[in-house]
Amino acid sequence: MEETLELKQLPLGYISYSQIRMYKRCPWQYKLRYIDGLKMKPKSNLILGTGIHEGLTAGFSEKKNKGGSDKHIRQVIVDKAVNTIEELIKQEQEIEWSEGDDDA
């Protein structure tokens, strides 16, 4: 067995912290995810968190680059967050909804 591994030999062509962490936690899970390509359906909290992150990023960028009133910045944040969440919901075929979440 080789002592080194070329990046092009990796399933995705690169290595990330997430891949290393998963492999250390469970090599079988790593194989299923990165070699066999099986994915778990995302949890609703991940969808919501991604939307909020994108909204805040857009709002802070808008404030830094263009200024604007607090009301305008809040609207930029809300619009971007909602649009991102809606797009992610459309893209995902299945989402694992947490108790109390409503997918409608």
PDB file of N, CA and C in Angstrom:
ATOM      1  N   MET A   1       0.840  -1.186   0.000  1.00  0.00           N
ATOM      2  CA  MET A   1       0.000   0.000   0.000  1.00  0.00           C
ATOM      3  C   MET A   1       0.884   1.247   0.000  1.00  0.00           C
ATOM      4  N   GLU A   2       0.484   2.236  -0.784  1.00  0.00           N
ATOM      5  CA  GLU A   2       1.269   3.469  -0.870  1.00  0.00           C
ATOM      6  C   GLU A   2       1.203   4.250   0.441  1.00  0.00           C
ATOM      7  N   GLU A   3       2.291   4.957   0.727  1.00  0.00           N
ATOM      8  CA  GLU A   3       2.332   5.782   1.923  1.00  0.00           C
ATOM      9  C   GLU A   3       1.706   7.141   1.698  1.00  0.00           C
ATOM     10  N   THR A   4       1.645   7.586   0.448  1.00  0.00           N
ATOM     11  CA  THR A   4       1.052   8.885   0.147  1.00  0.00           C
ATOM     12  C   THR A   4      -0.121   8.696  -0.805  1.00  0.00           C
ATOM     13  N   LEU A   5      -0.964   9.667  -0.806  1.00  0.00           N
ATOM     14  CA  LEU A   5      -2.158   9.634  -1.637  1.00  0.00           C
ATOM     15  C   LEU A   5      -2.236  10.948  -2.397  1.00  0.00           C
ATOM     16  N   GLU A   6      -2.349  10.881  -3.689  1.00  0.00           N
ATOM     17  CA  GLU A   6      -2.476  12.076  -4.508  1.00  0.00           C
ATOM     18  C   GLU A   6      -3.901  12.623  -4.367  1.00  0.00           C
ATOM     19  N   LEU A   7      -4.051  13.946  -4.411  1.00  0.00           N
ATOM     20  CA  LEU A   7      -5.377  14.544  -4.289  1.00  0.00           C
ATOM     21  C   LEU A   7      -6.326  14.028  -5.356  1.00  0.00           C
ATOM     22  N   LYS A   8      -5.821  13.804  -6.567  1.00  0.00           N
ATOM     23  CA  LYS A   8      -6.692  13.317  -7.642  1.00  0.00           C
ATOM     24  C   LYS A   8      -7.209  11.915  -7.365  1.00  0.00           C
ATOM     25  N   GLN A   9      -6.588  11.196  -6.430  1.00  0.00           N
ATOM     26  CA  GLN A   9      -7.043   9.861  -6.070  1.00  0.00           C
ATOM     27  C   GLN A   9      -8.197   9.898  -5.061  1.00  0.00           C
ATOM     28  N   LEU A  10      -8.439  11.046  -4.456  1.00  0.00           N
ATOM     29  CA  LEU A  10      -9.516  11.175  -3.481  1.00  0.00           C
ATOM     30  C   LEU A  10     -10.857  11.201  -4.189  1.00  0.00           C
ATOM     31  N   PRO A  11     -11.911  10.755  -3.527  1.00  0.00           N
ATOM     32  CA  PRO A  11     -13.228  10.710  -4.174  1.00  0.00           C
ATOM     33  C   PRO A  11     -13.681  12.056  -4.751  1.00  0.00           C
ATOM     34  N   LEU A  12     -13.396  13.155  -4.075  1.00  0.00           N
ATOM     35  CA  LEU A  12     -13.827  14.472  -4.548  1.00  0.00           C
ATOM     36  C   LEU A  12     -12.679  15.276  -5.158  1.00  0.00           C
ATOM     37  N   GLY A  13     -11.478  14.716  -5.147  1.00  0.00           N
ATOM     38  CA  GLY A  13     -10.326  15.439  -5.680  1.00  0.00           C
ATOM     39  C   GLY A  13      -9.719  16.418  -4.691  1.00  0.00           C
ATOM     40  N   TYR A  14     -10.241  16.443  -3.484  1.00  0.00           N
ATOM     41  CA  TYR A  14      -9.707  17.310  -2.428  1.00  0.00           C
ATOM     42  C   TYR A  14     -10.079  16.693  -1.080  1.00  0.00           C
ATOM     43  N   ILE A  15      -9.491  17.204  -0.045  1.00  0.00           N
ATOM     44  CA  ILE A  15      -9.804  16.739   1.311  1.00  0.00           C
ATOM     45  C   ILE A  15     -10.291  17.929   2.121  1.00  0.00           C
ATOM     46  N   SER A  16     -11.292  17.715   2.933  1.00  0.00           N
ATOM     47  CA  SER A  16     -11.821  18.787   3.775  1.00  0.00           C
ATOM     48  C   SER A  16     -11.814  18.324   5.224  1.00  0.00           C
ATOM     49  N   TYR A  17     -11.980  19.279   6.108  1.00  0.00           N
ATOM     50  CA  TYR A  17     -12.050  18.958   7.528  1.00  0.00           C
ATOM     51  C   TYR A  17     -13.223  18.017   7.799  1.00  0.00           C
ATOM     52  N   SER A  18     -14.346  18.249   7.131  1.00  0.00           N
ATOM     53  CA  SER A  18     -15.520  17.398   7.320  1.00  0.00           C
ATOM     54  C   SER A  18     -15.224  15.954   6.936  1.00  0.00           C
ATOM     55  N   GLN A  19     -14.507  15.770   5.834  1.00  0.00           N
ATOM     56  CA  GLN A  19     -14.160  14.411   5.410  1.00  0.00           C
ATOM     57  C   GLN A  19     -13.258  13.729   6.441  1.00  0.00           C
ATOM     58  N   ILE A  20     -12.260  14.446   6.907  1.00  0.00           N
ATOM     59  CA  ILE A  20     -11.338  13.883   7.900  1.00  0.00           C
ATOM     60  C   ILE A  20     -12.076  13.539   9.175  1.00  0.00           C
ATOM     61  N   ARG A  21     -12.920  14.461   9.644  1.00  0.00           N
ATOM     62  CA  ARG A  21     -13.677  14.233  10.878  1.00  0.00           C
ATOM     63  C   ARG A  21     -14.584  13.014  10.746  1.00  0.00           C
ATOM     64  N   MET A  22     -15.258  12.891   9.589  1.00  0.00           N
ATOM     65  CA  MET A  22     -16.136  11.743   9.393  1.00  0.00           C
ATOM     66  C   MET A  22     -15.331  10.448   9.352  1.00  0.00           C
ATOM     67  N   TYR A  23     -14.195  10.455   8.655  1.00  0.00           N
ATOM     68  CA  TYR A  23     -13.374   9.246   8.567  1.00  0.00           C
ATOM     69  C   TYR A  23     -12.878   8.829   9.950  1.00  0.00           C
ATOM     70  N   LYS A  24     -12.444   9.804  10.752  1.00  0.00           N
ATOM     71  CA  LYS A  24     -11.976   9.491  12.102  1.00  0.00           C
ATOM     72  C   LYS A  24     -13.096   8.943  12.973  1.00  0.00           C
ATOM     73  N   ARG A  25     -14.300   9.482  12.772  1.00  0.00           N
ATOM     74  CA  ARG A  25     -15.454   9.036  13.559  1.00  0.00           C
ATOM     75  C   ARG A  25     -15.896   7.638  13.130  1.00  0.00           C
ATOM     76  N   CYS A  26     -15.963   7.422  11.789  1.00  0.00           N
ATOM     77  CA  CYS A  26     -16.464   6.144  11.295  1.00  0.00           C
ATOM     78  C   CYS A  26     -16.037   5.942   9.842  1.00  0.00           C
ATOM     79  N   PRO A  27     -15.002   5.141   9.599  1.00  0.00           N
ATOM     80  CA  PRO A  27     -14.556   4.908   8.226  1.00  0.00           C
ATOM     81  C   PRO A  27     -15.666   4.360   7.319  1.00  0.00           C
ATOM     82  N   TRP A  28     -16.581   3.563   7.863  1.00  0.00           N
ATOM     83  CA  TRP A  28     -17.678   3.016   7.065  1.00  0.00           C
ATOM     84  C   TRP A  28     -18.605   4.138   6.597  1.00  0.00           C
ATOM     85  N   GLN A  29     -18.900   5.081   7.486  1.00  0.00           N
ATOM     86  CA  GLN A  29     -19.738   6.215   7.118  1.00  0.00           C
ATOM     87  C   GLN A  29     -19.052   7.044   6.029  1.00  0.00           C
ATOM     88  N   TYR A  30     -17.745   7.223   6.160  1.00  0.00           N
ATOM     89  CA  TYR A  30     -16.979   7.947   5.148  1.00  0.00           C
ATOM     90  C   TYR A  30     -17.126   7.259   3.794  1.00  0.00           C
ATOM     91  N   LYS A  31     -16.964   5.932   3.767  1.00  0.00           N
ATOM     92  CA  LYS A  31     -17.081   5.174   2.521  1.00  0.00           C
ATOM     93  C   LYS A  31     -18.460   5.367   1.899  1.00  0.00           C
ATOM     94  N   LEU A  32     -19.507   5.224   2.710  1.00  0.00           N
ATOM     95  CA  LEU A  32     -20.867   5.377   2.187  1.00  0.00           C
ATOM     96  C   LEU A  32     -21.094   6.764   1.608  1.00  0.00           C
ATOM     97  N   ARG A  33     -20.583   7.777   2.294  1.00  0.00           N
ATOM     98  CA  ARG A  33     -20.835   9.157   1.875  1.00  0.00           C
ATOM     99  C   ARG A  33     -19.977   9.578   0.687  1.00  0.00           C
ATOM    100  N   TYR A  34     -18.658   9.421   0.804  1.00  0.00           N
ATOM    101  CA  TYR A  34     -17.755  10.002  -0.181  1.00  0.00           C
ATOM    102  C   TYR A  34     -17.338   9.057  -1.301  1.00  0.00           C
ATOM    103  N   ILE A  35     -17.360   7.766  -1.068  1.00  0.00           N
ATOM    104  CA  ILE A  35     -16.984   6.830  -2.120  1.00  0.00           C
ATOM    105  C   ILE A  35     -18.227   6.311  -2.843  1.00  0.00           C
ATOM    106  N   ASP A  36     -19.236   5.893  -2.072  1.00  0.00           N
ATOM    107  CA  ASP A  36     -20.461   5.378  -2.674  1.00  0.00           C
ATOM    108  C   ASP A  36     -21.446   6.481  -3.055  1.00  0.00           C
ATOM    109  N   GLY A  37     -21.241   7.684  -2.526  1.00  0.00           N
ATOM    110  CA  GLY A  37     -22.074   8.830  -2.898  1.00  0.00           C
ATOM    111  C   GLY A  37     -23.451   8.873  -2.242  1.00  0.00           C
ATOM    112  N   LEU A  38     -23.639   8.126  -1.171  1.00  0.00           N
ATOM    113  CA  LEU A  38     -24.927   8.149  -0.474  1.00  0.00           C
ATOM    114  C   LEU A  38     -24.969   9.332   0.481  1.00  0.00           C
ATOM    115  N   LYS A  39     -26.057  10.076   0.439  1.00  0.00           N
ATOM    116  CA  LYS A  39     -26.202  11.241   1.314  1.00  0.00           C
ATOM    117  C   LYS A  39     -27.413  11.053   2.203  1.00  0.00           C
ATOM    118  N   MET A  40     -27.288  11.537   3.426  1.00  0.00           N
ATOM    119  CA  MET A  40     -28.447  11.592   4.311  1.00  0.00           C
ATOM    120  C   MET A  40     -29.256  12.817   3.932  1.00  0.00           C
ATOM    121  N   LYS A  41     -30.556  12.731   4.073  1.00  0.00           N
ATOM    122  CA  LYS A  41     -31.353  13.911   3.776  1.00  0.00           C
ATOM    123  C   LYS A  41     -31.035  14.988   4.814  1.00  0.00           C
ATOM    124  N   PRO A  42     -30.962  16.243   4.375  1.00  0.00           N
ATOM    125  CA  PRO A  42     -30.583  17.309   5.297  1.00  0.00           C
ATOM    126  C   PRO A  42     -31.679  17.570   6.327  1.00  0.00           C
ATOM    127  N   LYS A  43     -31.255  17.984   7.485  1.00  0.00           N
ATOM    128  CA  LYS A  43     -32.212  18.352   8.538  1.00  0.00           C
ATOM    129  C   LYS A  43     -32.703  19.771   8.277  1.00  0.00           C
ATOM    130  N   SER A  44     -33.907  20.017   8.701  1.00  0.00           N
ATOM    131  CA  SER A  44     -34.502  21.338   8.480  1.00  0.00           C
ATOM    132  C   SER A  44     -33.677  22.443   9.135  1.00  0.00           C
ATOM    133  N   ASN A  45     -33.025  22.142  10.248  1.00  0.00           N
ATOM    134  CA  ASN A  45     -32.201  23.150  10.922  1.00  0.00           C
ATOM    135  C   ASN A  45     -31.038  23.604  10.041  1.00  0.00           C
ATOM    136  N   LEU A  46     -30.504  22.685   9.247  1.00  0.00           N
ATOM    137  CA  LEU A  46     -29.418  23.034   8.337  1.00  0.00           C
ATOM    138  C   LEU A  46     -29.916  23.978   7.250  1.00  0.00           C
ATOM    139  N   ILE A  47     -31.106  23.705   6.726  1.00  0.00           N
ATOM    140  CA  ILE A  47     -31.704  24.567   5.705  1.00  0.00           C
ATOM    141  C   ILE A  47     -31.928  25.972   6.276  1.00  0.00           C
ATOM    142  N   LEU A  48     -32.508  26.035   7.468  1.00  0.00           N
ATOM    143  CA  LEU A  48     -32.782  27.317   8.118  1.00  0.00           C
ATOM    144  C   LEU A  48     -31.482  28.061   8.422  1.00  0.00           C
ATOM    145  N   GLY A  49     -30.508  27.354   8.973  1.00  0.00           N
ATOM    146  CA  GLY A  49     -29.230  27.977   9.314  1.00  0.00           C
ATOM    147  C   GLY A  49     -28.505  28.524   8.100  1.00  0.00           C
ATOM    148  N   THR A  50     -28.546  27.779   6.999  1.00  0.00           N
ATOM    149  CA  THR A  50     -27.911  28.243   5.765  1.00  0.00           C
ATOM    150  C   THR A  50     -28.596  29.509   5.260  1.00  0.00           C
ATOM    151  N   GLY A  51     -29.917  29.536   5.313  1.00  0.00           N
ATOM    152  CA  GLY A  51     -30.654  30.720   4.878  1.00  0.00           C
ATOM    153  C   GLY A  51     -30.320  31.936   5.720  1.00  0.00           C
ATOM    154  N   ILE A  52     -30.286  31.757   7.019  1.00  0.00           N
ATOM    155  CA  ILE A  52     -29.961  32.868   7.923  1.00  0.00           C
ATOM    156  C   ILE A  52     -28.535  33.351   7.671  1.00  0.00           C
ATOM    157  N   HIS A  53     -27.611  32.418   7.508  1.00  0.00           N
ATOM    158  CA  HIS A  53     -26.220  32.782   7.234  1.00  0.00           C
ATOM    159  C   HIS A  53     -26.111  33.610   5.950  1.00  0.00           C
ATOM    160  N   GLU A  54     -26.774  33.151   4.895  1.00  0.00           N
ATOM    161  CA  GLU A  54     -26.742  33.874   3.622  1.00  0.00           C
ATOM    162  C   GLU A  54     -27.373  35.261   3.763  1.00  0.00           C
ATOM    163  N   GLY A  55     -28.463  35.346   4.519  1.00  0.00           N
ATOM    164  CA  GLY A  55     -29.116  36.629   4.743  1.00  0.00           C
ATOM    165  C   GLY A  55     -28.223  37.605   5.475  1.00  0.00           C
ATOM    166  N   LEU A  56     -27.597  37.137   6.542  1.00  0.00           N
ATOM    167  CA  LEU A  56     -26.705  38.012   7.307  1.00  0.00           C
ATOM    168  C   LEU A  56     -25.499  38.441   6.475  1.00  0.00           C
ATOM    169  N   THR A  57     -24.956  37.515   5.702  1.00  0.00           N
ATOM    170  CA  THR A  57     -23.829  37.850   4.838  1.00  0.00           C
ATOM    171  C   THR A  57     -24.218  38.943   3.848  1.00  0.00           C
ATOM    172  N   ALA A  58     -25.374  38.799   3.231  1.00  0.00           N
ATOM    173  CA  ALA A  58     -25.847  39.807   2.271  1.00  0.00           C
ATOM    174  C   ALA A  58     -26.080  41.150   2.960  1.00  0.00           C
ATOM    175  N   GLY A  59     -26.669  41.125   4.159  1.00  0.00           N
ATOM    176  CA  GLY A  59     -26.948  42.361   4.886  1.00  0.00           C
ATOM    177  C   GLY A  59     -25.691  43.097   5.299  1.00  0.00           C
ATOM    178  N   PHE A  60     -24.717  42.358   5.842  1.00  0.00           N
ATOM    179  CA  PHE A  60     -23.476  43.002   6.259  1.00  0.00           C
ATOM    180  C   PHE A  60     -22.695  43.525   5.059  1.00  0.00           C
ATOM    181  N   SER A  61     -22.726  42.775   3.970  1.00  0.00           N
ATOM    182  CA  SER A  61     -22.056  43.229   2.755  1.00  0.00           C
ATOM    183  C   SER A  61     -22.701  44.511   2.224  1.00  0.00           C
ATOM    184  N   GLU A  62     -24.013  44.541   2.212  1.00  0.00           N
ATOM    185  CA  GLU A  62     -24.752  45.728   1.763  1.00  0.00           C
ATOM    186  C   GLU A  62     -24.409  46.933   2.643  1.00  0.00           C
ATOM    187  N   LYS A  63     -24.407  46.727   3.950  1.00  0.00           N
ATOM    188  CA  LYS A  63     -24.108  47.821   4.886  1.00  0.00           C
ATOM    189  C   LYS A  63     -22.685  48.331   4.685  1.00  0.00           C
ATOM    190  N   LYS A  64     -21.748  47.411   4.522  1.00  0.00           N
ATOM    191  CA  LYS A  64     -20.344  47.786   4.358  1.00  0.00           C
ATOM    192  C   LYS A  64     -20.112  48.513   3.036  1.00  0.00           C
ATOM    193  N   ASN A  65     -20.694  48.014   1.963  1.00  0.00           N
ATOM    194  CA  ASN A  65     -20.411  48.559   0.637  1.00  0.00           C
ATOM    195  C   ASN A  65     -21.262  49.765   0.253  1.00  0.00           C
ATOM    196  N   LYS A  66     -22.519  49.773   0.700  1.00  0.00           N
ATOM    197  CA  LYS A  66     -23.420  50.834   0.244  1.00  0.00           C
ATOM    198  C   LYS A  66     -24.023  51.661   1.364  1.00  0.00           C
ATOM    199  N   GLY A  67     -23.870  51.209   2.597  1.00  0.00           N
ATOM    200  CA  GLY A  67     -24.519  51.912   3.697  1.00  0.00           C
ATOM    201  C   GLY A  67     -26.012  51.645   3.661  1.00  0.00           C
ATOM    202  N   GLY A  68     -26.783  52.559   4.110  1.00  0.00           N
ATOM    203  CA  GLY A  68     -28.230  52.384   4.074  1.00  0.00           C
ATOM    204  C   GLY A  68     -28.810  52.348   5.470  1.00  0.00           C
ATOM    205  N   SER A  69     -30.109  52.539   5.515  1.00  0.00           N
ATOM    206  CA  SER A  69     -30.792  52.572   6.804  1.00  0.00           C
ATOM    207  C   SER A  69     -30.889  51.166   7.387  1.00  0.00           C
ATOM    208  N   ASP A  70     -31.107  51.121   8.697  1.00  0.00           N
ATOM    209  CA  ASP A  70     -31.272  49.836   9.366  1.00  0.00           C
ATOM    210  C   ASP A  70     -32.475  49.078   8.797  1.00  0.00           C
ATOM    211  N   LYS A  71     -33.518  49.809   8.478  1.00  0.00           N
ATOM    212  CA  LYS A  71     -34.717  49.179   7.919  1.00  0.00           C
ATOM    213  C   LYS A  71     -34.392  48.508   6.584  1.00  0.00           C
ATOM    214  N   HIS A  72     -33.636  49.214   5.742  1.00  0.00           N
ATOM    215  CA  HIS A  72     -33.242  48.660   4.444  1.00  0.00           C
ATOM    216  C   HIS A  72     -32.378  47.416   4.631  1.00  0.00           C
ATOM    217  N   ILE A  73     -31.417  47.475   5.536  1.00  0.00           N
ATOM    218  CA  ILE A  73     -30.520  46.341   5.777  1.00  0.00           C
ATOM    219  C   ILE A  73     -31.308  45.142   6.293  1.00  0.00           C
ATOM    220  N   ARG A  74     -32.238  45.390   7.212  1.00  0.00           N
ATOM    221  CA  ARG A  74     -33.084  44.285   7.710  1.00  0.00           C
ATOM    222  C   ARG A  74     -33.846  43.637   6.563  1.00  0.00           C
ATOM    223  N   GLN A  75     -34.344  44.442   5.645  1.00  0.00           N
ATOM    224  CA  GLN A  75     -35.092  43.896   4.513  1.00  0.00           C
ATOM    225  C   GLN A  75     -34.197  43.074   3.593  1.00  0.00           C
ATOM    226  N   VAL A  76     -32.956  43.533   3.398  1.00  0.00           N
ATOM    227  CA  VAL A  76     -31.999  42.769   2.592  1.00  0.00           C
ATOM    228  C   VAL A  76     -31.750  41.407   3.240  1.00  0.00           C
ATOM    229  N   ILE A  77     -31.563  41.409   4.553  1.00  0.00           N
ATOM    230  CA  ILE A  77     -31.315  40.159   5.288  1.00  0.00           C
ATOM    231  C   ILE A  77     -32.501  39.209   5.141  1.00  0.00           C
ATOM    232  N   VAL A  78     -33.696  39.712   5.394  1.00  0.00           N
ATOM    233  CA  VAL A  78     -34.902  38.875   5.330  1.00  0.00           C
ATOM    234  C   VAL A  78     -35.114  38.344   3.916  1.00  0.00           C
ATOM    235  N   ASP A  79     -34.998  39.215   2.923  1.00  0.00           N
ATOM    236  CA  ASP A  79     -35.217  38.790   1.539  1.00  0.00           C
ATOM    237  C   ASP A  79     -34.243  37.687   1.134  1.00  0.00           C
ATOM    238  N   LYS A  80     -32.962  37.880   1.438  1.00  0.00           N
ATOM    239  CA  LYS A  80     -31.949  36.892   1.058  1.00  0.00           C
ATOM    240  C   LYS A  80     -32.170  35.581   1.817  1.00  0.00           C
ATOM    241  N   ALA A  81     -32.469  35.670   3.105  1.00  0.00           N
ATOM    242  CA  ALA A  81     -32.688  34.463   3.906  1.00  0.00           C
ATOM    243  C   ALA A  81     -33.876  33.670   3.377  1.00  0.00           C
ATOM    244  N   VAL A  82     -34.987  34.347   3.132  1.00  0.00           N
ATOM    245  CA  VAL A  82     -36.195  33.678   2.644  1.00  0.00           C
ATOM    246  C   VAL A  82     -35.957  33.067   1.264  1.00  0.00           C
ATOM    247  N   ASN A  83     -35.338  33.827   0.367  1.00  0.00           N
ATOM    248  CA  ASN A  83     -35.059  33.309  -0.978  1.00  0.00           C
ATOM    249  C   ASN A  83     -34.150  32.089  -0.930  1.00  0.00           C
ATOM    250  N   THR A  84     -33.126  32.136  -0.084  1.00  0.00           N
ATOM    251  CA  THR A  84     -32.199  31.007   0.040  1.00  0.00           C
ATOM    252  C   THR A  84     -32.917  29.781   0.576  1.00  0.00           C
ATOM    253  N   ILE A  85     -33.716  29.964   1.619  1.00  0.00           N
ATOM    254  CA  ILE A  85     -34.451  28.836   2.208  1.00  0.00           C
ATOM    255  C   ILE A  85     -35.408  28.237   1.179  1.00  0.00           C
ATOM    256  N   GLU A  86     -36.123  29.082   0.456  1.00  0.00           N
ATOM    257  CA  GLU A  86     -37.050  28.582  -0.569  1.00  0.00           C
ATOM    258  C   GLU A  86     -36.306  27.802  -1.654  1.00  0.00           C
ATOM    259  N   GLU A  87     -35.153  28.303  -2.093  1.00  0.00           N
ATOM    260  CA  GLU A  87     -34.367  27.607  -3.118  1.00  0.00           C
ATOM    261  C   GLU A  87     -33.861  26.264  -2.606  1.00  0.00           C
ATOM    262  N   LEU A  88     -33.380  26.235  -1.373  1.00  0.00           N
ATOM    263  CA  LEU A  88     -32.880  24.977  -0.810  1.00  0.00           C
ATOM    264  C   LEU A  88     -33.999  23.948  -0.682  1.00  0.00           C
ATOM    265  N   ILE A  89     -35.173  24.395  -0.294  1.00  0.00           N
ATOM    266  CA  ILE A  89     -36.310  23.480  -0.170  1.00  0.00           C
ATOM    267  C   ILE A  89     -36.680  22.930  -1.547  1.00  0.00           C
ATOM    268  N   LYS A  90     -36.630  23.765  -2.576  1.00  0.00           N
ATOM    269  CA  LYS A  90     -36.935  23.308  -3.937  1.00  0.00           C
ATOM    270  C   LYS A  90     -35.897  22.296  -4.434  1.00  0.00           C
ATOM    271  N   GLN A  91     -34.629  22.523  -4.087  1.00  0.00           N
ATOM    272  CA  GLN A  91     -33.541  21.667  -4.561  1.00  0.00           C
ATOM    273  C   GLN A  91     -33.547  20.296  -3.895  1.00  0.00           C
ATOM    274  N   GLU A  92     -33.877  20.264  -2.629  1.00  0.00           N
ATOM    275  CA  GLU A  92     -33.826  19.008  -1.879  1.00  0.00           C
ATOM    276  C   GLU A  92     -35.084  18.204  -2.135  1.00  0.00           C
ATOM    277  N   GLN A  93     -34.898  16.945  -2.461  1.00  0.00           N
ATOM    278  CA  GLN A  93     -36.052  16.087  -2.686  1.00  0.00           C
ATOM    279  C   GLN A  93     -36.650  15.619  -1.365  1.00  0.00           C
ATOM    280  N   GLU A  94     -35.816  15.457  -0.378  1.00  0.00           N
ATOM    281  CA  GLU A  94     -36.298  15.047   0.932  1.00  0.00           C
ATOM    282  C   GLU A  94     -35.575  15.864   1.994  1.00  0.00           C
ATOM    283  N   ILE A  95     -36.309  16.294   2.978  1.00  0.00           N
ATOM    284  CA  ILE A  95     -35.756  17.035   4.106  1.00  0.00           C
ATOM    285  C   ILE A  95     -36.256  16.358   5.367  1.00  0.00           C
ATOM    286  N   GLU A  96     -35.375  16.209   6.345  1.00  0.00           N
ATOM    287  CA  GLU A  96     -35.778  15.642   7.617  1.00  0.00           C
ATOM    288  C   GLU A  96     -36.274  16.785   8.501  1.00  0.00           C
ATOM    289  N   TRP A  97     -37.594  16.903   8.582  1.00  0.00           N
ATOM    290  CA  TRP A  97     -38.201  17.994   9.334  1.00  0.00           C
ATOM    291  C   TRP A  97     -38.159  17.668  10.822  1.00  0.00           C
ATOM    292  N   SER A  98     -37.737  18.646  11.620  1.00  0.00           N
ATOM    293  CA  SER A  98     -37.707  18.486  13.078  1.00  0.00           C
ATOM    294  C   SER A  98     -39.112  18.652  13.623  1.00  0.00           C
ATOM    295  N   GLU A  99     -39.324  18.119  14.795  1.00  0.00           N
ATOM    296  CA  GLU A  99     -40.636  18.240  15.428  1.00  0.00           C
ATOM    297  C   GLU A  99     -40.986  19.723  15.580  1.00  0.00           C
ATOM    298  N   GLY A 100     -42.185  20.080  15.184  1.00  0.00           N
ATOM    299  CA  GLY A 100     -42.625  21.471  15.283  1.00  0.00           C
ATOM    300  C   GLY A 100     -42.401  22.255  14.008  1.00  0.00           C
ATOM    301  N   ASP A 101     -41.596  21.706  13.080  1.00  0.00           N
ATOM    302  CA  ASP A 101     -41.391  22.369  11.788  1.00  0.00           C
ATOM    303  C   ASP A 101     -42.572  22.079  10.903  1.00  0.00           C
ATOM    304  N   ASP A 102     -42.817  22.969   9.985  1.00  0.00           N
ATOM    305  CA  ASP A 102     -43.916  22.790   9.037  1.00  0.00           C
ATOM    306  C   ASP A 102     -43.333  22.899   7.645  1.00  0.00           C
ATOM    307  N   ASP A 103     -43.470  21.854   6.855  1.00  0.00           N
ATOM    308  CA  ASP A 103     -42.886  21.869   5.514  1.00  0.00           C
ATOM    309  C   ASP A 103     -43.831  22.438   4.469  1.00  0.00           C
ATOM    310  N   ALA A 104     -44.985  22.902   4.889  1.00  0.00           N
ATOM    311  CA  ALA A 104     -45.959  23.443   3.927  1.00  0.00           C
ATOM    312  C   ALA A 104     -45.764  24.926   3.740  1.00  0.00           C
TER     313      ALA A 104
END
